[in-house]
């Protein structure tokens, strides 16, 4: 028997109608998409940090002068 837990209550999926089962599948799909996007965000955030550090090191190594107002 497959079951899901909703608000701490175990529900057997065979007791649910087709519409509810479709909503569960949609929910699972959206959760997976969010997880995928969060992984991508983490990758982009790491790349951003890498480029910032590389830029700072490049500027320092080239003795680039700071702009003053």
N, C-alpha and C. Protein backbone atom coordinates (compact mmCIF):
# COMPACT_ATOMS: atom_id res chain seq x y z
N UNK A 1 0.82 -1.19 0.00
CA UNK A 1 0.00 0.00 0.00
C UNK A 1 0.87 1.26 0.00
N UNK A 2 0.66 2.11 -0.99
CA UNK A 2 1.36 3.40 -1.02
C UNK A 2 0.63 4.37 -0.12
N UNK A 3 1.42 5.20 0.53
CA UNK A 3 0.80 6.19 1.40
C UNK A 3 1.55 7.50 1.30
N UNK A 4 0.85 8.57 1.65
CA UNK A 4 1.47 9.89 1.77
C UNK A 4 1.14 10.40 3.16
N UNK A 5 1.93 11.34 3.60
CA UNK A 5 1.67 11.95 4.90
C UNK A 5 1.37 13.42 4.67
N UNK A 6 0.25 13.87 5.17
CA UNK A 6 -0.18 15.25 5.02
C UNK A 6 -0.57 15.78 6.38
N UNK A 7 0.14 16.81 6.82
CA UNK A 7 -0.12 17.39 8.16
C UNK A 7 -0.05 16.33 9.25
N UNK A 8 0.91 15.41 9.10
CA UNK A 8 1.12 14.38 10.12
C UNK A 8 0.14 13.23 10.06
N UNK A 9 -0.71 13.20 9.06
CA UNK A 9 -1.70 12.14 8.92
C UNK A 9 -1.33 11.27 7.72
N UNK A 10 -1.23 9.96 7.94
CA UNK A 10 -0.95 9.03 6.86
C UNK A 10 -2.22 8.75 6.08
N UNK A 11 -2.11 8.86 4.75
CA UNK A 11 -3.27 8.63 3.88
C UNK A 11 -2.85 7.59 2.83
N UNK A 12 -3.65 6.56 2.68
CA UNK A 12 -3.38 5.53 1.67
C UNK A 12 -3.84 6.06 0.31
N UNK A 13 -2.95 6.02 -0.66
CA UNK A 13 -3.28 6.61 -1.96
C UNK A 13 -4.42 5.89 -2.68
N UNK A 14 -4.60 4.62 -2.40
CA UNK A 14 -5.70 3.92 -3.07
C UNK A 14 -7.07 4.41 -2.59
N UNK A 15 -7.09 5.19 -1.51
CA UNK A 15 -8.34 5.76 -1.02
C UNK A 15 -8.67 7.10 -1.67
N UNK A 16 -7.76 7.58 -2.53
CA UNK A 16 -7.94 8.91 -3.13
C UNK A 16 -8.51 8.80 -4.54
N UNK A 17 -9.24 9.85 -4.95
CA UNK A 17 -9.81 9.86 -6.30
C UNK A 17 -8.75 10.31 -7.31
N UNK A 18 -9.07 10.19 -8.59
CA UNK A 18 -8.12 10.49 -9.67
C UNK A 18 -7.65 11.95 -9.64
N UNK A 19 -8.57 12.87 -9.36
CA UNK A 19 -8.22 14.29 -9.31
C UNK A 19 -7.18 14.56 -8.22
N UNK A 20 -7.38 13.96 -7.07
CA UNK A 20 -6.45 14.14 -5.96
C UNK A 20 -5.09 13.52 -6.29
N UNK A 21 -5.10 12.35 -6.91
CA UNK A 21 -3.86 11.70 -7.32
C UNK A 21 -3.10 12.56 -8.34
N UNK A 22 -3.84 13.19 -9.25
CA UNK A 22 -3.22 14.07 -10.24
C UNK A 22 -2.60 15.29 -9.55
N UNK A 23 -3.27 15.82 -8.54
CA UNK A 23 -2.72 16.95 -7.79
C UNK A 23 -1.44 16.55 -7.06
N UNK A 24 -1.41 15.34 -6.53
CA UNK A 24 -0.21 14.84 -5.85
C UNK A 24 0.94 14.74 -6.84
N UNK A 25 0.67 14.23 -8.04
CA UNK A 25 1.71 14.13 -9.07
C UNK A 25 2.20 15.52 -9.48
N UNK A 26 1.29 16.47 -9.59
CA UNK A 26 1.68 17.85 -9.92
C UNK A 26 2.55 18.44 -8.81
N UNK A 27 2.20 18.17 -7.59
CA UNK A 27 2.97 18.64 -6.45
C UNK A 27 4.38 18.05 -6.47
N UNK A 28 4.48 16.76 -6.74
CA UNK A 28 5.79 16.11 -6.82
C UNK A 28 6.64 16.72 -7.93
N UNK A 29 6.01 17.00 -9.06
CA UNK A 29 6.72 17.60 -10.18
C UNK A 29 7.27 18.97 -9.80
N UNK A 30 6.43 19.79 -9.18
CA UNK A 30 6.86 21.13 -8.79
C UNK A 30 7.98 21.07 -7.75
N UNK A 31 7.87 20.16 -6.80
CA UNK A 31 8.94 20.00 -5.80
C UNK A 31 10.26 19.64 -6.46
N UNK A 32 10.23 18.74 -7.43
CA UNK A 32 11.45 18.34 -8.14
C UNK A 32 12.02 19.51 -8.94
N UNK A 33 11.15 20.30 -9.55
CA UNK A 33 11.62 21.46 -10.30
C UNK A 33 12.28 22.48 -9.38
N UNK A 34 11.70 22.70 -8.21
CA UNK A 34 12.28 23.63 -7.23
C UNK A 34 13.64 23.13 -6.78
N UNK A 35 13.74 21.83 -6.51
CA UNK A 35 15.03 21.25 -6.11
C UNK A 35 16.07 21.45 -7.21
N UNK A 36 15.67 21.22 -8.45
CA UNK A 36 16.57 21.40 -9.59
C UNK A 36 17.03 22.86 -9.68
N UNK A 37 16.09 23.78 -9.55
CA UNK A 37 16.42 25.20 -9.64
C UNK A 37 17.33 25.63 -8.49
N UNK A 38 17.08 25.10 -7.31
CA UNK A 38 17.95 25.43 -6.17
C UNK A 38 19.38 24.93 -6.40
N UNK A 39 19.52 23.75 -7.01
CA UNK A 39 20.86 23.26 -7.34
C UNK A 39 21.52 24.19 -8.35
N UNK A 40 20.77 24.63 -9.33
CA UNK A 40 21.31 25.55 -10.33
C UNK A 40 21.70 26.88 -9.69
N UNK A 41 20.87 27.39 -8.80
CA UNK A 41 21.19 28.63 -8.11
C UNK A 41 22.50 28.48 -7.33
N UNK A 42 22.68 27.35 -6.66
CA UNK A 42 23.91 27.11 -5.92
C UNK A 42 25.13 27.10 -6.85
N UNK A 43 24.98 26.52 -8.02
CA UNK A 43 26.07 26.51 -8.99
C UNK A 43 26.39 27.93 -9.44
N UNK A 44 25.37 28.71 -9.76
CA UNK A 44 25.60 30.08 -10.20
C UNK A 44 26.18 30.94 -9.08
N UNK A 45 25.74 30.72 -7.86
CA UNK A 45 26.28 31.48 -6.72
C UNK A 45 27.77 31.17 -6.52
N UNK A 46 28.14 29.90 -6.67
CA UNK A 46 29.55 29.52 -6.55
C UNK A 46 30.36 30.15 -7.67
N UNK A 47 29.82 30.15 -8.88
CA UNK A 47 30.52 30.77 -10.01
C UNK A 47 30.68 32.27 -9.78
N UNK A 48 29.66 32.90 -9.27
CA UNK A 48 29.72 34.33 -8.97
C UNK A 48 30.85 34.62 -7.98
N UNK A 49 30.92 33.85 -6.93
CA UNK A 49 31.99 34.03 -5.94
C UNK A 49 33.36 33.83 -6.57
N UNK A 50 33.50 32.82 -7.42
CA UNK A 50 34.76 32.56 -8.10
C UNK A 50 35.16 33.76 -8.94
N UNK A 51 34.22 34.31 -9.73
CA UNK A 51 34.54 35.44 -10.59
C UNK A 51 34.87 36.69 -9.78
N UNK A 52 34.22 36.89 -8.67
CA UNK A 52 34.53 38.04 -7.82
C UNK A 52 35.96 37.93 -7.29
N UNK A 53 36.31 36.76 -6.78
CA UNK A 53 37.67 36.56 -6.26
C UNK A 53 38.69 36.72 -7.39
N UNK A 54 38.42 36.14 -8.54
CA UNK A 54 39.34 36.25 -9.67
C UNK A 54 39.51 37.71 -10.10
N UNK A 55 38.43 38.45 -10.12
CA UNK A 55 38.48 39.86 -10.48
C UNK A 55 39.30 40.65 -9.48
N UNK A 56 39.05 40.41 -8.19
CA UNK A 56 39.81 41.11 -7.15
C UNK A 56 41.30 40.81 -7.26
N UNK A 57 41.65 39.55 -7.48
CA UNK A 57 43.05 39.18 -7.61
C UNK A 57 43.67 39.80 -8.85
N UNK A 58 42.92 39.85 -9.94
CA UNK A 58 43.42 40.44 -11.17
C UNK A 58 43.68 41.92 -10.98
N UNK A 59 42.75 42.60 -10.34
CA UNK A 59 42.91 44.04 -10.10
C UNK A 59 44.12 44.29 -9.22
N UNK A 60 44.28 43.52 -8.16
CA UNK A 60 45.42 43.70 -7.25
C UNK A 60 46.74 43.40 -7.95
N UNK A 61 46.78 42.36 -8.75
CA UNK A 61 48.04 41.99 -9.40
C UNK A 61 48.44 42.96 -10.50
N UNK A 62 47.50 43.70 -11.03
CA UNK A 62 47.80 44.69 -12.06
C UNK A 62 47.99 46.09 -11.48
N UNK A 63 48.00 46.16 -10.15
CA UNK A 63 48.17 47.45 -9.46
C UNK A 63 47.21 48.51 -9.99
N UNK A 64 46.01 48.11 -10.24
CA UNK A 64 45.00 49.03 -10.72
C UNK A 64 44.70 50.05 -9.64
N UNK A 65 44.70 51.32 -10.04
CA UNK A 65 44.45 52.39 -9.07
C UNK A 65 42.97 52.56 -8.84
N UNK A 66 42.65 52.84 -7.61
CA UNK A 66 41.26 53.03 -7.22
C UNK A 66 40.78 54.37 -7.74
N UNK A 67 39.55 54.40 -8.28
CA UNK A 67 38.97 55.64 -8.73
C UNK A 67 38.51 56.45 -7.54
N UNK A 68 38.73 57.73 -7.60
CA UNK A 68 38.29 58.62 -6.51
C UNK A 68 37.29 59.62 -7.09
N UNK A 69 36.29 59.95 -6.29
CA UNK A 69 35.27 60.93 -6.73
C UNK A 69 35.84 62.32 -6.74
